Amino acid sequence: MTVIIQNNNLPIMNFLPPNGKQIPGFINIGGKAAILAQEILDKGYVFEMEILRGREISLTIADKIIEDDVDIEITLIAERHVKIGLDILINRFHEHMISIGARAGGVQ
């Protein structure tokens, strides 16, 4: 099933403390980031967010086939920091994905 970004709303799975309860959500991102994120989703990756201790969160791109994170960005929990962190994560992983010729559901 292909996940589609609509109105620049990135689907992201939230892992909440203390037990990691999973709650699906969305974060509105910029147009260029949304285009790149859609290409990442089209390859079978997913976006996740987990609240850490203090005022930090981890933003990750995960490969559900190998059940592991493939890239991570740690940022402050404030909305503007989350959007900046996602922009960094999306651009970095997209560049990496292209450089290695990623296939759906993982990397070659």
C-alpha atoms as a PDB file:
ATOM      1  CA  MET A   1       0.000   0.000   0.000  1.00  0.00           C
ATOM      2  CA  THR A   2       1.479   3.312  -1.082  1.00  0.00           C
ATOM      3  CA  VAL A   3       1.365   6.142   1.425  1.00  0.00           C
ATOM      4  CA  ILE A   4       0.509   9.493  -0.146  1.00  0.00           C
ATOM      5  CA  ILE A   5       1.439  12.896   1.255  1.00  0.00           C
ATOM      6  CA  GLN A   6      -1.546  15.223   0.934  1.00  0.00           C
ATOM      7  CA  ASN A   7      -1.400  19.000   1.460  1.00  0.00           C
ATOM      8  CA  ASN A   8       2.246  18.642   2.576  1.00  0.00           C
ATOM      9  CA  ASN A   9       1.150  16.560   5.611  1.00  0.00           C
ATOM     10  CA  LEU A  10       3.825  13.920   6.223  1.00  0.00           C
ATOM     11  CA  PRO A  11       2.462  10.740   7.832  1.00  0.00           C
ATOM     12  CA  ILE A  12       4.591   9.884  10.847  1.00  0.00           C
ATOM     13  CA  MET A  13       4.284   7.200  13.522  1.00  0.00           C
ATOM     14  CA  ASN A  14       4.638   8.624  17.047  1.00  0.00           C
ATOM     15  CA  PHE A  15       6.099   6.464  19.804  1.00  0.00           C
ATOM     16  CA  LEU A  16       4.970   7.833  23.165  1.00  0.00           C
ATOM     17  CA  PRO A  17       6.576   7.309  26.577  1.00  0.00           C
ATOM     18  CA  PRO A  18       6.690   5.459  28.836  1.00  0.00           C
ATOM     19  CA  ASN A  19       5.894   2.249  26.933  1.00  0.00           C
ATOM     20  CA  GLY A  20       6.334   3.282  23.285  1.00  0.00           C
ATOM     21  CA  LYS A  21       2.624   3.305  22.467  1.00  0.00           C
ATOM     22  CA  GLN A  22       2.262   3.922  18.731  1.00  0.00           C
ATOM     23  CA  ILE A  23      -0.043   6.679  17.497  1.00  0.00           C
ATOM     24  CA  PRO A  24      -0.146   7.679  13.822  1.00  0.00           C
ATOM     25  CA  GLY A  25       0.026  11.389  13.096  1.00  0.00           C
ATOM     26  CA  PHE A  26       0.962  14.030  10.547  1.00  0.00           C
ATOM     27  CA  ILE A  27       3.425  16.917  10.429  1.00  0.00           C
ATOM     28  CA  ASN A  28       3.046  19.683   7.872  1.00  0.00           C
ATOM     29  CA  ILE A  29       6.302  20.149   5.951  1.00  0.00           C
ATOM     30  CA  GLY A  30       7.457  22.422   3.127  1.00  0.00           C
ATOM     31  CA  GLY A  31       6.691  21.693  -0.519  1.00  0.00           C
ATOM     32  CA  LYS A  32      10.212  20.629  -1.567  1.00  0.00           C
ATOM     33  CA  ALA A  33      10.575  18.417   1.516  1.00  0.00           C
ATOM     34  CA  ALA A  34       7.159  16.884   0.775  1.00  0.00           C
ATOM     35  CA  ILE A  35       8.247  15.945  -2.757  1.00  0.00           C
ATOM     36  CA  LEU A  36      11.449  14.308  -1.497  1.00  0.00           C
ATOM     37  CA  ALA A  37       9.620  12.609   1.391  1.00  0.00           C
ATOM     38  CA  GLN A  38       7.092  11.151  -1.067  1.00  0.00           C
ATOM     39  CA  GLU A  39       9.958   9.601  -3.031  1.00  0.00           C
ATOM     40  CA  ILE A  40      11.280   8.089   0.216  1.00  0.00           C
ATOM     41  CA  LEU A  41       7.828   6.710   1.085  1.00  0.00           C
ATOM     42  CA  ASP A  42       7.497   5.336  -2.458  1.00  0.00           C
ATOM     43  CA  LYS A  43      10.612   3.219  -1.805  1.00  0.00           C
ATOM     44  CA  GLY A  44       8.904   1.579   1.171  1.00  0.00           C
ATOM     45  CA  TYR A  45      10.411   3.561   4.028  1.00  0.00           C
ATOM     46  CA  VAL A  46       8.392   5.136   6.857  1.00  0.00           C
ATOM     47  CA  PHE A  47       8.867   8.149   9.125  1.00  0.00           C
ATOM     48  CA  GLU A  48       8.821   7.815  12.904  1.00  0.00           C
ATOM     49  CA  MET A  49       9.118  10.161  15.872  1.00  0.00           C
ATOM     50  CA  GLU A  50       9.875   9.331  19.494  1.00  0.00           C
ATOM     51  CA  ILE A  51       9.893  11.627  22.487  1.00  0.00           C
ATOM     52  CA  LEU A  52      13.147  11.262  24.388  1.00  0.00           C
ATOM     53  CA  ARG A  53      14.071  12.473  27.848  1.00  0.00           C
ATOM     54  CA  GLY A  54      13.998  16.156  28.486  1.00  0.00           C
ATOM     55  CA  ARG A  55      13.077  18.351  25.554  1.00  0.00           C
ATOM     56  CA  GLU A  56      14.391  16.208  22.698  1.00  0.00           C
ATOM     57  CA  ILE A  57      12.838  13.925  20.126  1.00  0.00           C
ATOM     58  CA  SER A  58      14.268  11.503  17.613  1.00  0.00           C
ATOM     59  CA  LEU A  59      13.069  11.660  14.034  1.00  0.00           C
ATOM     60  CA  THR A  60      13.799   8.510  12.076  1.00  0.00           C
ATOM     61  CA  ILE A  61      13.381   6.928   8.698  1.00  0.00           C
ATOM     62  CA  ALA A  62      12.807   3.207   9.098  1.00  0.00           C
ATOM     63  CA  ASP A  63      12.889   0.241   6.760  1.00  0.00           C
ATOM     64  CA  LYS A  64       9.953  -1.958   7.743  1.00  0.00           C
ATOM     65  CA  ILE A  65      11.290  -4.991   5.835  1.00  0.00           C
ATOM     66  CA  ILE A  66      14.509  -5.210   7.843  1.00  0.00           C
ATOM     67  CA  GLU A  67      12.732  -3.653  10.854  1.00  0.00           C
ATOM     68  CA  ASP A  68      15.444  -1.125  11.575  1.00  0.00           C
ATOM     69  CA  ASP A  69      16.096   2.591  11.455  1.00  0.00           C
ATOM     70  CA  VAL A  70      18.149   3.706   8.467  1.00  0.00           C
ATOM     71  CA  ASP A  71      18.618   7.388   9.409  1.00  0.00           C
ATOM     72  CA  ILE A  72      18.010   9.501  12.495  1.00  0.00           C
ATOM     73  CA  GLU A  73      17.987  13.165  13.494  1.00  0.00           C
ATOM     74  CA  ILE A  74      17.774  14.319  17.118  1.00  0.00           C
ATOM     75  CA  THR A  75      16.168  17.727  17.694  1.00  0.00           C
ATOM     76  CA  LEU A  76      14.361  19.815  20.266  1.00  0.00           C
ATOM     77  CA  ILE A  77      10.662  19.135  20.718  1.00  0.00           C
ATOM     78  CA  ALA A  78       9.478  22.639  19.668  1.00  0.00           C
ATOM     79  CA  GLU A  79       7.500  22.629  16.391  1.00  0.00           C
ATOM     80  CA  ARG A  80       9.968  24.794  14.450  1.00  0.00           C
ATOM     81  CA  HIS A  81      12.858  22.532  15.503  1.00  0.00           C
ATOM     82  CA  VAL A  82      10.916  19.436  14.457  1.00  0.00           C
ATOM     83  CA  LYS A  83      10.280  20.908  11.000  1.00  0.00           C
ATOM     84  CA  ILE A  84      13.946  21.897  10.611  1.00  0.00           C
ATOM     85  CA  GLY A  85      15.011  18.435  11.808  1.00  0.00           C
ATOM     86  CA  LEU A  86      12.680  16.734   9.340  1.00  0.00           C
ATOM     87  CA  ASP A  87      13.980  18.913   6.516  1.00  0.00           C
ATOM     88  CA  ILE A  88      17.566  17.927   7.382  1.00  0.00           C
ATOM     89  CA  LEU A  89      16.639  14.235   7.709  1.00  0.00           C
ATOM     90  CA  ILE A  90      14.641  14.121   4.473  1.00  0.00           C
ATOM     91  CA  ASN A  91      17.278  15.915   2.399  1.00  0.00           C
ATOM     92  CA  ARG A  92      20.175  13.867   3.818  1.00  0.00           C
ATOM     93  CA  PHE A  93      18.461  10.500   3.362  1.00  0.00           C
ATOM     94  CA  HIS A  94      17.090  11.338  -0.075  1.00  0.00           C
ATOM     95  CA  GLU A  95      20.596  12.259  -1.248  1.00  0.00           C
ATOM     96  CA  HIS A  96      21.953   9.018   0.233  1.00  0.00           C
ATOM     97  CA  MET A  97      19.104   6.974  -1.259  1.00  0.00           C
ATOM     98  CA  ILE A  98      19.856   8.310  -4.737  1.00  0.00           C
ATOM     99  CA  SER A  99      23.612   7.815  -4.376  1.00  0.00           C
ATOM    100  CA  ILE A 100      23.227   4.120  -3.531  1.00  0.00           C
ATOM    101  CA  GLY A 101      20.296   3.364  -5.832  1.00  0.00           C
ATOM    102  CA  ALA A 102      17.712   2.447  -3.198  1.00  0.00           C
ATOM    103  CA  ARG A 103      15.068  -0.110  -4.085  1.00  0.00           C
ATOM    104  CA  ALA A 104      11.604  -0.499  -2.621  1.00  0.00           C
ATOM    105  CA  GLY A 105      11.730  -1.897   0.890  1.00  0.00           C
ATOM    106  CA  GLY A 106      15.405  -1.330   1.541  1.00  0.00           C
ATOM    107  CA  VAL A 107      18.732  -0.506   0.006  1.00  0.00           C
ATOM    108  CA  GLN A 108      20.767  -2.505  -2.482  1.00  0.00           C
END
